[in-house]
Amino acid sequence: MLEFIDTHSHLYDDDFTPDFDQVIKRAQSAGVIKCIMPGIDISNHNKMMSCTNRLKNFAFPCIGLHPTSVGENWEDELDFVKENIINGKFYAVGEIGIDEYWSKEFISQQKEVFKQQIILAEKYDLPIIIHSREATEDIFDVLEKLKEKNIKGVFHAYSGSYETYERIKKYGDFKIGIGGVVTYKNAGIASVLKKIPLEEIVLETDSPWLTPVPYRGKRNESSYICIIAEKIAQIKEIPIDKVSITTTLTAKKLFNI
């Protein structure tokens, strides 16, 4: 049976409450052996940790302040991350980054929070999970200021050009997170993927969001990871088992799981 790691799934989201056990069973039946759960903010932390305890050796928690959660209380939120990372077992600092789609009110604070969390990740030798939405140049501006740091991680939900991918690689050992968007009819990432080595790619669903075709418009879940893998195999004209083996190994190494 093919094995997959979903490197970005919000299993603790309320959307999964009604049929949580069935969602997990479907994921495991589809070959998902592990899931990485990105942190969002204080309000989501306890739910994530409860999910972690419920799914030992399957669900792996991260800690971080999501850019869309950066607001008036951003310093308290950031202190929470700094305090909890010391005593907890986390597998990445994320989901962190900059989002200029929803609001630009706290952009300067988003940049500061992003920078501080990258520094924190290097201190604890953890990868980072980067969220970038309509903020490519600001993301690179922060990374440029930290270019002497030893940084590793994944650019979540990547949809950029090959040239942007080449810029990314200058700032650390970054992998590219590919999810349901790759199945969309006019997704430009498909042509970009042809040039990106398979070893540089990890699979993700971002469930319950970014559902792949043919389920687009419905709730996403980790069991759909095989659809994403099939699409990558089709684009790269390689067997799906090669996608499974290679991306799983990359994810295990990156997140140390």
Protein backbone atom coordinates (compact mmCIF):
# COMPACT_ATOMS: atom_id res chain seq x y z
CA MET A 1 0.00 0.00 0.00
CA LEU A 2 1.22 3.48 -0.83
CA GLU A 3 2.13 5.69 2.14
CA PHE A 4 1.70 9.44 2.40
CA ILE A 5 2.39 12.20 4.92
CA ASP A 6 0.00 15.14 4.96
CA THR A 7 2.34 17.97 5.92
CA HIS A 8 -0.42 20.52 6.52
CA SER A 9 -3.77 19.54 7.99
CA HIS A 10 -5.97 21.34 10.51
CA LEU A 11 -7.41 18.15 11.98
CA TYR A 12 -8.47 20.05 15.10
CA ASP A 13 -10.76 22.38 13.14
CA ASP A 14 -14.42 22.40 14.17
CA ASP A 15 -15.39 21.25 10.67
CA PHE A 16 -14.20 17.77 11.62
CA THR A 17 -16.04 17.51 14.94
CA PRO A 18 -19.17 15.73 13.61
CA ASP A 19 -17.30 12.78 12.05
CA PHE A 20 -13.75 13.02 13.36
CA ASP A 21 -13.18 9.26 13.77
CA GLN A 22 -14.44 8.55 10.26
CA VAL A 23 -12.19 11.27 8.81
CA ILE A 24 -9.15 9.66 10.43
CA LYS A 25 -10.16 6.17 9.28
CA ARG A 26 -10.57 7.37 5.71
CA ALA A 27 -7.17 9.05 5.81
CA GLN A 28 -5.48 5.93 7.10
CA SER A 29 -7.30 3.76 4.57
CA ALA A 30 -5.96 6.08 1.84
CA GLY A 31 -2.40 5.48 3.04
CA VAL A 32 -1.86 8.54 5.22
CA ILE A 33 0.54 7.48 7.97
CA LYS A 34 1.20 10.87 9.60
CA CYS A 35 -0.19 14.40 9.62
CA ILE A 36 1.53 17.65 10.52
CA MET A 37 -0.81 20.09 12.27
CA PRO A 38 0.18 23.77 11.99
CA GLY A 39 -0.51 26.07 14.92
CA ILE A 40 -2.63 29.20 14.44
CA ASP A 41 -2.96 31.13 17.72
CA ILE A 42 -3.85 30.75 21.40
CA SER A 43 -7.52 30.09 20.69
CA ASN A 44 -6.69 26.97 18.67
CA HIS A 45 -3.86 25.58 20.78
CA ASN A 46 -5.76 23.42 23.26
CA LYS A 47 -7.86 21.85 20.52
CA MET A 48 -4.69 20.99 18.60
CA MET A 49 -3.01 19.45 21.64
CA SER A 50 -6.14 17.45 22.45
CA CYS A 51 -6.06 16.11 18.90
CA THR A 52 -2.37 15.27 19.33
CA ASN A 53 -3.05 13.25 22.48
CA ARG A 54 -5.93 11.48 20.79
CA LEU A 55 -3.84 10.52 17.75
CA LYS A 56 -0.41 9.62 19.10
CA ASN A 57 2.15 8.81 16.40
CA PHE A 58 -0.28 10.02 13.75
CA ALA A 59 -0.87 13.74 14.40
CA PHE A 60 2.17 15.94 15.07
CA PRO A 61 1.68 19.48 16.45
CA CYS A 62 3.45 22.70 15.52
CA ILE A 63 3.42 26.04 17.25
CA GLY A 64 3.25 29.49 15.72
CA LEU A 65 1.27 32.66 15.24
CA HIS A 66 -0.55 32.79 11.90
CA PRO A 67 -0.27 36.16 10.12
CA THR A 68 -4.04 36.64 9.99
CA SER A 69 -4.10 36.26 13.79
CA VAL A 70 -1.68 39.17 14.24
CA GLY A 71 -3.70 41.98 15.80
CA GLU A 72 -3.74 44.34 18.78
CA ASN A 73 -2.62 41.54 21.13
CA TRP A 74 0.19 40.27 18.90
CA GLU A 75 2.79 40.61 21.65
CA ASP A 76 0.78 38.39 24.01
CA GLU A 77 0.30 35.85 21.24
CA LEU A 78 4.01 35.86 20.43
CA ASP A 79 4.91 35.48 24.11
CA PHE A 80 2.65 32.42 24.22
CA VAL A 81 4.64 30.84 21.39
CA LYS A 82 7.96 31.64 23.06
CA GLU A 83 6.84 30.28 26.43
CA ASN A 84 5.28 27.07 25.15
CA ILE A 85 7.99 26.09 22.71
CA ILE A 86 10.36 25.63 25.63
CA ASN A 87 8.40 22.86 27.35
CA GLY A 88 6.35 21.37 24.53
CA LYS A 89 7.21 18.86 21.83
CA PHE A 90 6.61 20.57 18.51
CA TYR A 91 7.73 19.62 15.04
CA ALA A 92 7.81 23.04 13.36
CA VAL A 93 7.28 26.72 13.98
CA GLY A 94 4.24 27.51 11.90
CA GLU A 95 2.05 28.47 10.35
CA ILE A 96 3.90 31.78 10.12
CA GLY A 97 4.42 34.40 7.44
CA ILE A 98 2.68 37.41 5.91
CA ASP A 99 -0.84 37.75 4.52
CA GLU A 100 -1.75 40.92 2.64
CA TYR A 101 -4.97 39.52 1.17
CA TRP A 102 -7.34 39.79 4.14
CA SER A 103 -6.01 42.98 5.70
CA LYS A 104 -3.00 45.29 5.61
CA GLU A 105 -3.73 46.95 8.94
CA PHE A 106 -1.02 45.10 10.88
CA ILE A 107 1.52 44.46 8.11
CA SER A 108 4.47 45.93 10.01
CA GLN A 109 3.56 43.78 13.01
CA GLN A 110 3.20 40.73 10.76
CA LYS A 111 6.74 41.28 9.50
CA GLU A 112 8.09 41.58 13.04
CA VAL A 113 6.24 38.48 14.21
CA PHE A 114 7.46 36.55 11.18
CA LYS A 115 11.06 37.59 11.82
CA GLN A 116 10.98 36.74 15.51
CA GLN A 117 9.47 33.33 14.87
CA ILE A 118 12.14 32.48 12.28
CA ILE A 119 14.80 33.35 14.86
CA LEU A 120 12.97 31.18 17.38
CA ALA A 121 12.86 28.26 14.94
CA GLU A 122 16.59 28.43 14.33
CA LYS A 123 17.23 28.53 18.08
CA TYR A 124 15.31 25.29 18.59
CA ASP A 125 16.46 23.71 15.31
CA LEU A 126 12.92 23.46 13.94
CA PRO A 127 11.64 23.90 10.39
CA ILE A 128 9.23 26.72 9.62
CA ILE A 129 5.93 26.54 7.73
CA ILE A 130 5.55 29.71 5.68
CA HIS A 131 2.18 31.20 4.76
CA SER A 132 2.51 33.77 1.98
CA ARG A 133 -0.52 35.39 0.39
CA GLU A 134 -0.04 38.38 -1.90
CA ALA A 135 3.11 39.10 0.11
CA THR A 136 6.00 37.57 -1.85
CA GLU A 137 8.28 40.59 -1.78
CA ASP A 138 7.68 41.27 1.92
CA ILE A 139 8.41 37.61 2.68
CA PHE A 140 11.71 37.91 0.81
CA ASP A 141 12.47 41.19 2.54
CA VAL A 142 12.31 39.47 5.94
CA LEU A 143 14.29 36.44 4.71
CA GLU A 144 16.97 38.74 3.28
CA LYS A 145 17.47 40.31 6.69
CA LEU A 146 17.97 36.82 8.14
CA LYS A 147 20.02 35.32 5.32
CA GLU A 148 22.89 34.43 7.66
CA LYS A 149 20.55 32.22 9.69
CA ASN A 150 20.41 28.46 9.19
CA ILE A 151 16.78 28.17 8.09
CA LYS A 152 14.77 25.21 6.82
CA GLY A 153 11.12 24.62 6.18
CA VAL A 154 8.31 24.56 3.65
CA PHE A 155 6.53 27.19 1.59
CA HIS A 156 2.94 26.16 2.23
CA ALA A 157 0.41 26.08 -0.64
CA TYR A 158 3.03 27.11 -3.16
CA SER A 159 1.67 28.70 -6.34
CA GLY A 160 4.58 30.84 -7.47
CA SER A 161 6.82 30.78 -10.53
CA TYR A 162 9.95 28.72 -11.05
CA GLU A 163 11.98 31.94 -10.72
CA THR A 164 10.43 32.54 -7.29
CA TYR A 165 11.29 28.96 -6.33
CA GLU A 166 14.92 29.63 -7.26
CA ARG A 167 14.90 32.74 -5.04
CA ILE A 168 13.47 30.70 -2.17
CA LYS A 169 16.31 28.19 -2.34
CA LYS A 170 18.85 30.97 -1.72
CA TYR A 171 17.54 31.53 1.80
CA GLY A 172 17.59 28.04 3.25
CA ASP A 173 16.66 24.41 2.86
CA PHE A 174 13.08 25.05 1.78
CA LYS A 175 10.69 22.52 0.35
CA ILE A 176 7.57 23.31 -1.66
CA GLY A 177 4.17 22.33 -0.26
CA ILE A 178 1.80 21.15 -2.99
CA GLY A 179 -1.90 20.68 -2.31
CA GLY A 180 -5.30 20.65 -3.96
CA VAL A 181 -4.70 23.76 -6.07
CA VAL A 182 -2.54 21.67 -8.41
CA THR A 183 -5.72 19.90 -9.57
CA TYR A 184 -7.50 23.11 -10.57
CA LYS A 185 -8.04 23.62 -14.29
CA ASN A 186 -6.05 26.84 -14.72
CA ALA A 187 -3.47 26.31 -11.97
CA GLY A 188 -0.15 27.69 -13.14
CA ILE A 189 1.73 25.60 -10.59
CA ALA A 190 1.33 22.53 -12.83
CA SER A 191 3.83 23.83 -15.40
CA VAL A 192 6.18 24.98 -12.64
CA LEU A 193 6.16 21.54 -11.03
CA LYS A 194 7.66 20.01 -14.15
CA LYS A 195 10.89 21.87 -13.38
CA ILE A 196 11.01 21.41 -9.60
CA PRO A 197 12.77 18.20 -8.50
CA LEU A 198 10.48 15.68 -6.82
CA GLU A 199 12.85 15.62 -3.83
CA GLU A 200 11.99 19.28 -3.17
CA ILE A 201 8.24 18.65 -2.85
CA VAL A 202 6.06 17.66 0.10
CA LEU A 203 2.36 16.85 -0.05
CA GLU A 204 -0.31 18.71 1.92
CA THR A 205 -4.06 19.14 1.96
CA ASP A 206 -4.60 22.23 4.14
CA SER A 207 -7.80 20.44 5.13
CA PRO A 208 -10.55 21.44 5.66
CA TRP A 209 -9.71 24.02 2.95
CA LEU A 210 -8.33 24.00 -0.62
CA THR A 211 -10.16 20.84 -1.61
CA PRO A 212 -8.90 19.15 -4.78
CA VAL A 213 -10.97 18.36 -7.85
CA PRO A 214 -13.36 16.47 -8.05
CA TYR A 215 -14.44 17.50 -4.52
CA ARG A 216 -13.75 21.22 -4.89
CA GLY A 217 -16.38 23.26 -3.04
CA LYS A 218 -16.77 20.62 -0.35
CA ARG A 219 -14.83 20.08 2.88
CA ASN A 220 -11.29 18.89 2.33
CA GLU A 221 -9.75 16.02 4.31
CA SER A 222 -6.44 14.17 4.49
CA SER A 223 -7.73 11.14 2.60
CA TYR A 224 -7.65 13.28 -0.55
CA ILE A 225 -3.84 13.42 -0.43
CA CYS A 226 -3.71 10.55 -2.91
CA ILE A 227 -5.53 12.74 -5.48
CA ILE A 228 -2.77 15.32 -5.16
CA ALA A 229 -0.10 12.64 -5.49
CA GLU A 230 -1.80 11.24 -8.60
CA LYS A 231 -1.84 14.70 -10.19
CA ILE A 232 1.86 15.23 -9.47
CA ALA A 233 2.65 11.82 -10.96
CA GLN A 234 0.67 12.76 -14.05
CA ILE A 235 2.41 16.12 -14.42
CA LYS A 236 5.86 14.64 -13.97
CA GLU A 237 5.05 11.50 -15.96
CA ILE A 238 6.28 9.18 -13.23
CA PRO A 239 4.67 6.33 -11.24
CA ILE A 240 2.62 7.38 -8.23
CA ASP A 241 4.64 5.05 -6.00
CA LYS A 242 7.70 7.18 -6.73
CA VAL A 243 5.77 10.27 -5.61
CA SER A 244 4.68 8.44 -2.46
CA ILE A 245 8.14 7.16 -1.51
CA THR A 246 10.04 10.36 -2.30
CA THR A 247 7.68 12.89 -0.71
CA THR A 248 7.23 10.73 2.40
CA LEU A 249 10.98 10.47 2.90
CA THR A 250 11.39 14.23 2.41
CA ALA A 251 8.66 14.97 4.95
CA LYS A 252 10.14 12.58 7.52
CA LYS A 253 13.53 14.25 7.23
CA LEU A 254 12.21 17.81 7.29
CA PHE A 255 9.97 17.37 10.33
CA ASN A 256 12.13 14.74 12.06
CA ILE A 257 9.24 12.27 12.42
